[in-house]
Amino acid sequence: MSKLPAALLVFLLALTVACPPRLDRTDDDDDSASDDDDSASDDDDDTTDDDDTTDDDDVAPPGDPGVLDAAAAVTGDWSCIDPTGSPGAQPGAFDGVVLDFSEEDPVAGAQVEIWPNNTPDGAQAFETDATGAFSGPEGSIRSCLRFGARVWTEFEPPETYPTWHADLVVTEPPPYDVVLESVAYSTYQLLPLTVGVEPMAGRALLIGRFVDCAGDPIANAEGMVGSVDLNTGAVEVGEGSIRYFSDGDPDGDQLWMSDDGLMMALNVVANDGPDLMLWGVPQDDSHCLEDGSGNPVVASSNPDQCLLAVRSVEPLVDAAGIIPFRVGGLPPGCI
């Protein structure tokens, strides 16, 4: 086979560098929620990100992760949707470990804060050892009461992206087991390639994990960031690009939650105190959240889907937040 002339190879390489692929950004004028002529409550499937990667108007985009279009019912055990009983609150010590979010490898030398009140107020500071482990004294946390955490490293260059947790719950007899996850900086830096969205400075990354009564992941649900008024059922879509995972890895081609039960909202405006919402086709109408009149909160763009879960969050800027969603709210040992 004949070889291309060296001059031609140099020209082709220069052309490639000069014309990089266009990335999805949530600050695009056409994507701004404030520029949408439709009322927010009537357009609850526009997550303000433009996923059309082609400039040819005659070619349909391959799919939009921000559109509520999953047709299959959500999976999982929903038998605890109406929990009864009162949670206990036994104080105790704990044994903790920090693992990489994607690879599940221990993270040594990580700085850890435990937030007993689910907020940074009263934070307790720790550092992981060579095996990623750390421990807290008696009374650090209480069973069945939600608490939070923050994890980061001080290495240069940074090894991990600042990661915070909310709504953590332990149920085992003390000492409790606490497993925290840390998003690797390499995972964060590759998001433009893996999901087609370039993270913006001063914004937040939210990761939602949806599990059923047994703690197993729920598939086929879809995410949204914005706000919902559960008295009226009105939904307002906020800024942010919705994406999903496959086998625990970010996947820009996944259009709804896969069997890993994970979703992410990128470039969220942190100071808005947004709601992170999960929608889907319910197994039964009784699984839908209701408005003040007792009617299911239904997606106007897809009446087969209803609001299955919502969590109000206060994101940290330039950090990743991991938010758990559990059917029934608390683990079985707490209800």
Protein backbone atom coordinates (compact mmCIF):
# COMPACT_ATOMS: atom_id res chain seq x y z
CA MET A 1 0.00 0.00 0.00
CA SER A 2 1.43 3.45 -0.91
CA LYS A 3 2.08 5.92 1.88
CA LEU A 4 0.55 9.42 1.98
CA PRO A 5 3.03 12.28 1.38
CA ALA A 6 4.30 13.82 4.62
CA ALA A 7 2.96 17.24 3.67
CA LEU A 8 -0.56 15.86 3.24
CA LEU A 9 -0.40 14.15 6.64
CA VAL A 10 0.62 17.42 8.29
CA PHE A 11 -2.28 19.22 6.57
CA LEU A 12 -4.83 16.64 7.76
CA LEU A 13 -3.55 16.78 11.34
CA ALA A 14 -3.78 20.58 11.36
CA LEU A 15 -7.33 20.42 10.02
CA THR A 16 -8.35 18.04 12.84
CA VAL A 17 -6.93 20.32 15.54
CA ALA A 18 -8.51 23.41 14.00
CA CYS A 19 -11.99 21.86 13.89
CA PRO A 20 -12.64 20.15 17.22
CA PRO A 21 -16.05 18.58 17.92
CA ARG A 22 -18.69 20.95 19.29
CA LEU A 23 -19.54 20.32 22.96
CA ASP A 24 -22.90 20.74 24.67
CA ARG A 25 -22.97 23.73 27.04
CA THR A 26 -25.91 24.74 29.19
CA ASP A 27 -25.20 28.47 28.77
CA ASP A 28 -26.06 28.36 25.05
CA ASP A 29 -28.57 31.14 24.31
CA ASP A 30 -30.95 28.69 22.65
CA ASP A 31 -30.84 26.40 25.68
CA SER A 32 -31.55 28.96 28.44
CA ALA A 33 -34.64 28.23 30.48
CA SER A 34 -35.38 31.98 30.56
CA ASP A 35 -35.48 32.07 26.73
CA ASP A 36 -38.10 29.33 26.47
CA ASP A 37 -41.43 30.82 25.38
CA ASP A 38 -43.33 27.90 26.90
CA SER A 39 -44.37 28.16 30.56
CA ALA A 40 -42.13 26.14 32.86
CA SER A 41 -45.02 24.17 34.31
CA ASP A 42 -46.12 23.06 30.85
CA ASP A 43 -42.70 22.10 29.55
CA ASP A 44 -41.22 19.73 32.09
CA ASP A 45 -39.09 17.72 29.71
CA ASP A 46 -36.72 20.50 28.58
CA THR A 47 -33.59 20.32 30.71
CA THR A 48 -32.06 23.31 28.88
CA ASP A 49 -29.34 21.24 27.20
CA ASP A 50 -29.17 20.88 23.44
CA ASP A 51 -28.26 17.30 22.60
CA ASP A 52 -28.49 17.71 18.83
CA THR A 53 -24.95 17.03 17.70
CA THR A 54 -25.58 17.63 13.99
CA ASP A 55 -25.78 20.88 12.07
CA ASP A 56 -28.06 19.36 9.41
CA ASP A 57 -31.68 20.31 10.23
CA ASP A 58 -32.90 17.44 8.05
CA VAL A 59 -31.20 14.81 10.21
CA ALA A 60 -32.94 13.87 13.49
CA PRO A 61 -30.78 13.72 16.62
CA PRO A 62 -30.09 10.21 17.92
CA GLY A 63 -31.95 10.90 21.20
CA ASP A 64 -32.10 13.38 24.04
CA PRO A 65 -31.38 12.24 27.62
CA GLY A 66 -33.23 15.36 28.79
CA VAL A 67 -36.58 14.27 27.33
CA LEU A 68 -38.97 12.17 29.42
CA ASP A 69 -39.55 9.43 26.87
CA ALA A 70 -38.96 6.10 28.64
CA ALA A 71 -41.91 3.80 27.85
CA ALA A 72 -41.13 0.80 30.08
CA ALA A 73 -42.22 0.77 33.72
CA VAL A 74 -39.60 1.31 36.38
CA THR A 75 -38.18 -1.85 37.89
CA GLY A 76 -37.69 -2.98 41.47
CA ASP A 77 -39.48 -3.80 44.71
CA TRP A 78 -41.92 -1.03 45.69
CA SER A 79 -43.69 -2.88 48.51
CA CYS A 80 -42.41 -0.40 51.15
CA ILE A 81 -43.82 2.67 49.40
CA ASP A 82 -45.98 3.44 52.46
CA PRO A 83 -43.66 2.79 55.42
CA THR A 84 -44.99 2.56 58.96
CA GLY A 85 -43.31 2.73 62.34
CA SER A 86 -40.88 5.16 63.97
CA PRO A 87 -37.14 5.14 63.28
CA GLY A 88 -34.75 4.64 66.15
CA ALA A 89 -31.80 6.90 66.81
CA GLN A 90 -29.07 4.93 68.54
CA PRO A 91 -25.73 6.80 68.74
CA GLY A 92 -22.56 4.90 68.04
CA ALA A 93 -19.03 4.81 66.67
CA PHE A 94 -18.34 3.94 63.03
CA ASP A 95 -15.76 2.38 60.73
CA GLY A 96 -15.52 4.15 57.40
CA VAL A 97 -13.85 3.75 54.03
CA VAL A 98 -13.52 6.01 50.97
CA LEU A 99 -13.75 4.30 47.56
CA ASP A 100 -13.39 5.63 44.04
CA PHE A 101 -16.86 6.17 42.53
CA SER A 102 -16.09 4.32 39.28
CA GLU A 103 -13.32 1.84 40.10
CA GLU A 104 -14.26 1.16 43.77
CA ASP A 105 -10.57 1.32 44.72
CA PRO A 106 -9.67 2.66 48.19
CA VAL A 107 -8.63 6.33 48.27
CA ALA A 108 -5.65 6.85 50.60
CA GLY A 109 -4.86 10.21 52.16
CA ALA A 110 -8.36 11.59 51.60
CA GLN A 111 -9.69 14.38 53.80
CA VAL A 112 -13.14 13.52 55.19
CA GLU A 113 -15.80 15.57 56.94
CA ILE A 114 -18.79 13.86 58.55
CA TRP A 115 -21.85 16.10 58.85
CA PRO A 116 -23.99 14.65 61.70
CA ASN A 117 -26.86 17.06 60.94
CA ASN A 118 -26.78 16.48 57.15
CA THR A 119 -25.23 19.97 56.72
CA PRO A 120 -21.66 21.24 57.14
CA ASP A 121 -22.58 22.65 60.56
CA GLY A 122 -20.74 20.74 63.28
CA ALA A 123 -18.53 18.84 60.80
CA GLN A 124 -16.10 16.24 62.18
CA ALA A 125 -12.72 15.94 60.39
CA PHE A 126 -10.86 12.71 59.53
CA GLU A 127 -8.17 11.45 57.13
CA THR A 128 -8.04 8.05 55.46
CA ASP A 129 -5.07 5.74 55.90
CA ALA A 130 -3.23 3.77 53.21
CA THR A 131 -6.21 1.43 52.84
CA GLY A 132 -8.75 4.24 52.50
CA ALA A 133 -10.09 3.57 56.01
CA PHE A 134 -10.99 5.96 58.85
CA SER A 135 -13.08 5.69 62.01
CA GLY A 136 -15.22 7.87 64.23
CA PRO A 137 -15.71 7.81 68.01
CA GLU A 138 -18.80 6.88 69.98
CA GLY A 139 -21.72 9.20 69.31
CA SER A 140 -20.41 10.47 65.95
CA ILE A 141 -23.60 9.45 64.10
CA ARG A 142 -26.98 7.94 64.95
CA SER A 143 -28.87 5.09 63.34
CA CYS A 144 -31.76 5.96 61.00
CA LEU A 145 -31.01 9.70 61.09
CA ARG A 146 -29.76 11.24 57.86
CA PHE A 147 -26.24 12.63 57.84
CA GLY A 148 -23.84 13.96 55.21
CA ALA A 149 -20.15 13.93 54.33
CA ARG A 150 -17.52 15.62 52.18
CA VAL A 151 -14.40 14.01 50.66
CA TRP A 152 -11.42 15.59 48.90
CA THR A 153 -7.66 15.25 48.50
CA GLU A 154 -4.97 17.90 48.76
CA PHE A 155 -2.52 16.36 46.30
CA GLU A 156 -1.01 18.33 43.41
CA PRO A 157 -2.15 17.63 40.82
CA PRO A 158 -5.49 16.75 42.47
CA GLU A 159 -6.43 13.09 42.49
CA THR A 160 -10.10 13.49 43.31
CA TYR A 161 -12.81 16.03 42.52
CA PRO A 162 -14.42 17.42 45.71
CA THR A 163 -17.34 15.10 46.48
CA TRP A 164 -20.12 15.52 49.02
CA HIS A 165 -22.89 13.21 50.22
CA ALA A 166 -26.33 13.93 51.63
CA ASP A 167 -29.02 11.76 53.24
CA LEU A 168 -26.72 8.92 54.30
CA VAL A 169 -28.38 6.43 56.69
CA VAL A 170 -26.95 3.56 58.75
CA THR A 171 -28.98 0.77 60.34
CA GLU A 172 -26.52 -1.85 61.55
CA PRO A 173 -25.80 -2.16 65.28
CA PRO A 174 -22.80 0.03 66.20
CA PRO A 175 -20.05 0.35 65.30
CA TYR A 176 -21.68 1.39 62.04
CA ASP A 177 -20.21 0.82 58.57
CA VAL A 178 -19.91 4.00 56.49
CA VAL A 179 -18.90 3.76 52.82
CA LEU A 180 -18.18 7.06 51.05
CA GLU A 181 -17.48 7.53 47.36
CA SER A 182 -15.08 9.97 45.74
CA VAL A 183 -15.24 11.07 42.10
CA ALA A 184 -11.79 10.83 40.50
CA TYR A 185 -10.52 13.96 38.78
CA SER A 186 -9.88 11.87 35.68
CA THR A 187 -13.57 10.84 35.58
CA TYR A 188 -14.61 14.48 35.87
CA GLN A 189 -12.17 15.72 33.22
CA LEU A 190 -13.39 13.10 30.72
CA LEU A 191 -17.06 14.15 30.91
CA PRO A 192 -16.86 16.18 27.65
CA LEU A 193 -15.86 12.93 25.89
CA THR A 194 -18.02 10.44 27.82
CA VAL A 195 -21.29 12.40 27.92
CA GLY A 196 -20.72 15.33 25.53
CA VAL A 197 -21.06 18.08 28.17
CA GLU A 198 -18.30 20.45 29.21
CA PRO A 199 -18.45 21.22 32.96
CA MET A 200 -18.67 24.93 33.76
CA ALA A 201 -16.80 26.65 36.59
CA GLY A 202 -19.01 27.87 39.41
CA ARG A 203 -21.67 25.21 38.77
CA ALA A 204 -22.46 21.91 40.50
CA LEU A 205 -22.56 18.25 39.48
CA LEU A 206 -25.31 16.12 41.05
CA ILE A 207 -25.38 12.32 40.90
CA GLY A 208 -28.58 10.52 41.86
CA ARG A 209 -28.76 6.84 42.82
CA PHE A 210 -32.26 5.25 42.82
CA VAL A 211 -32.79 2.01 44.80
CA ASP A 212 -35.83 -0.05 45.75
CA CYS A 213 -37.01 -1.44 49.09
CA ALA A 214 -34.28 -4.09 49.05
CA GLY A 215 -31.55 -1.57 48.18
CA ASP A 216 -31.26 -2.80 44.57
CA PRO A 217 -30.94 -0.29 41.68
CA ILE A 218 -34.07 0.82 39.82
CA ALA A 219 -33.97 1.08 36.03
CA ASN A 220 -36.02 3.08 33.47
CA ALA A 221 -36.51 6.19 35.64
CA GLU A 222 -35.52 9.62 34.30
CA GLY A 223 -34.06 12.66 36.04
CA MET A 224 -34.81 16.37 36.04
CA VAL A 225 -33.44 19.35 37.91
CA GLY A 226 -35.60 22.35 38.75
CA SER A 227 -38.42 22.83 41.24
CA VAL A 228 -41.82 21.29 41.93
CA ASP A 229 -44.69 22.64 44.01
CA LEU A 230 -46.33 19.57 45.52
CA ASN A 231 -49.33 21.67 46.56
CA THR A 232 -50.25 22.64 42.99
CA GLY A 233 -48.24 20.07 41.04
CA ALA A 234 -46.54 22.84 39.03
CA VAL A 235 -43.06 21.96 37.72
CA GLU A 236 -40.36 24.41 36.73
CA VAL A 237 -37.29 23.19 34.87
CA GLY A 238 -33.93 24.57 35.94
CA GLU A 239 -30.57 24.84 34.23
CA GLY A 240 -28.57 21.65 33.86
CA SER A 241 -27.83 18.82 31.46
CA ILE A 242 -29.19 15.37 32.35
CA ARG A 243 -27.09 12.30 31.53
CA TYR A 244 -26.98 8.66 32.62
CA PHE A 245 -24.59 5.76 33.24
CA SER A 246 -24.06 2.24 31.94
CA ASP A 247 -22.52 -0.30 34.31
CA GLY A 248 -21.49 2.57 36.58
CA ASP A 249 -19.69 4.55 33.85
CA PRO A 250 -20.94 7.86 32.36
CA ASP A 251 -22.62 7.16 29.01
CA GLY A 252 -23.83 9.95 26.72
CA ASP A 253 -25.85 7.48 24.61
CA GLN A 254 -27.96 6.22 27.54
CA LEU A 255 -31.39 7.91 27.46
CA TRP A 256 -32.70 6.87 30.91
CA MET A 257 -31.52 5.00 33.98
CA SER A 258 -29.90 1.69 33.17
CA ASP A 259 -29.70 -1.27 35.54
CA ASP A 260 -27.21 0.65 37.71
CA GLY A 261 -29.91 3.13 38.82
CA LEU A 262 -27.67 6.19 38.26
CA MET A 263 -28.21 9.62 36.71
CA MET A 264 -26.35 12.93 36.75
CA ALA A 265 -27.23 16.59 36.37
CA LEU A 266 -24.31 18.70 35.14
CA ASN A 267 -23.82 22.47 35.36
CA VAL A 268 -26.52 22.98 37.96
CA VAL A 269 -26.89 26.50 39.35
CA ALA A 270 -25.96 25.85 42.96
CA ASN A 271 -27.42 28.90 44.68
CA ASP A 272 -30.97 28.14 43.54
CA GLY A 273 -31.43 25.30 46.06
CA PRO A 274 -32.92 23.12 43.28
CA ASP A 275 -35.03 19.99 43.46
CA LEU A 276 -33.63 16.80 41.96
CA MET A 277 -36.63 14.91 40.55
CA LEU A 278 -37.08 11.36 39.29
CA TRP A 279 -39.85 10.51 36.82
CA GLY A 280 -41.00 7.26 35.27
CA VAL A 281 -43.82 4.94 34.24
CA PRO A 282 -45.06 3.59 37.60
CA GLN A 283 -45.76 -0.04 38.33
CA ASP A 284 -48.91 1.22 40.07
CA ASP A 285 -50.48 4.70 40.27
CA SER A 286 -50.14 4.60 44.05
CA HIS A 287 -46.37 4.92 43.58
CA CYS A 288 -46.74 8.47 42.18
CA LEU A 289 -46.27 11.56 44.32
CA GLU A 290 -49.51 13.55 44.62
CA ASP A 291 -50.39 17.23 44.64
CA GLY A 292 -52.46 18.92 47.33
CA SER A 293 -55.69 17.66 45.76
CA GLY A 294 -54.60 14.03 45.84
CA ASN A 295 -53.89 13.81 42.11
CA PRO A 296 -50.69 12.22 40.77
CA VAL A 297 -48.10 14.72 39.56
CA VAL A 298 -47.92 13.74 35.88
CA ALA A 299 -45.42 14.86 33.23
CA SER A 300 -47.28 17.13 30.77
CA SER A 301 -45.01 15.97 27.94
CA ASN A 302 -45.55 12.28 28.71
CA PRO A 303 -48.76 11.49 30.63
CA ASP A 304 -47.63 7.90 31.13
CA GLN A 305 -44.92 9.17 33.49
CA CYS A 306 -45.39 10.59 36.97
CA LEU A 307 -43.15 12.06 39.64
CA LEU A 308 -41.70 9.17 41.65
CA ALA A 309 -39.26 10.95 43.97
CA VAL A 310 -37.92 14.42 44.70
CA ARG A 311 -35.10 15.70 46.86
CA SER A 312 -34.36 19.36 47.65
CA VAL A 313 -30.60 19.90 47.66
CA GLU A 314 -28.16 22.71 48.43
CA PRO A 315 -25.26 21.92 46.08
CA LEU A 316 -21.66 22.92 46.64
CA VAL A 317 -20.15 24.75 43.66
CA ASP A 318 -17.30 23.10 41.75
CA ALA A 319 -18.03 19.81 43.48
CA ALA A 320 -19.93 16.58 42.88
CA GLY A 321 -22.88 15.70 45.10
CA ILE A 322 -24.10 12.10 45.46
CA ILE A 323 -27.79 11.94 46.41
CA PRO A 324 -29.48 8.63 47.30
CA PHE A 325 -33.14 7.98 46.52
CA ARG A 326 -34.76 5.02 48.27
CA VAL A 327 -38.33 3.80 47.83
CA GLY A 328 -40.03 4.28 51.20
CA GLY A 329 -37.49 6.90 52.27
CA LEU A 330 -35.56 4.86 54.87
CA PRO A 331 -34.02 1.37 54.91
CA PRO A 332 -36.17 -1.50 56.21
CA GLY A 333 -34.34 -1.52 59.54
CA CYS A 334 -35.64 1.98 60.26
CA ILE A 335 -39.38 1.51 59.62
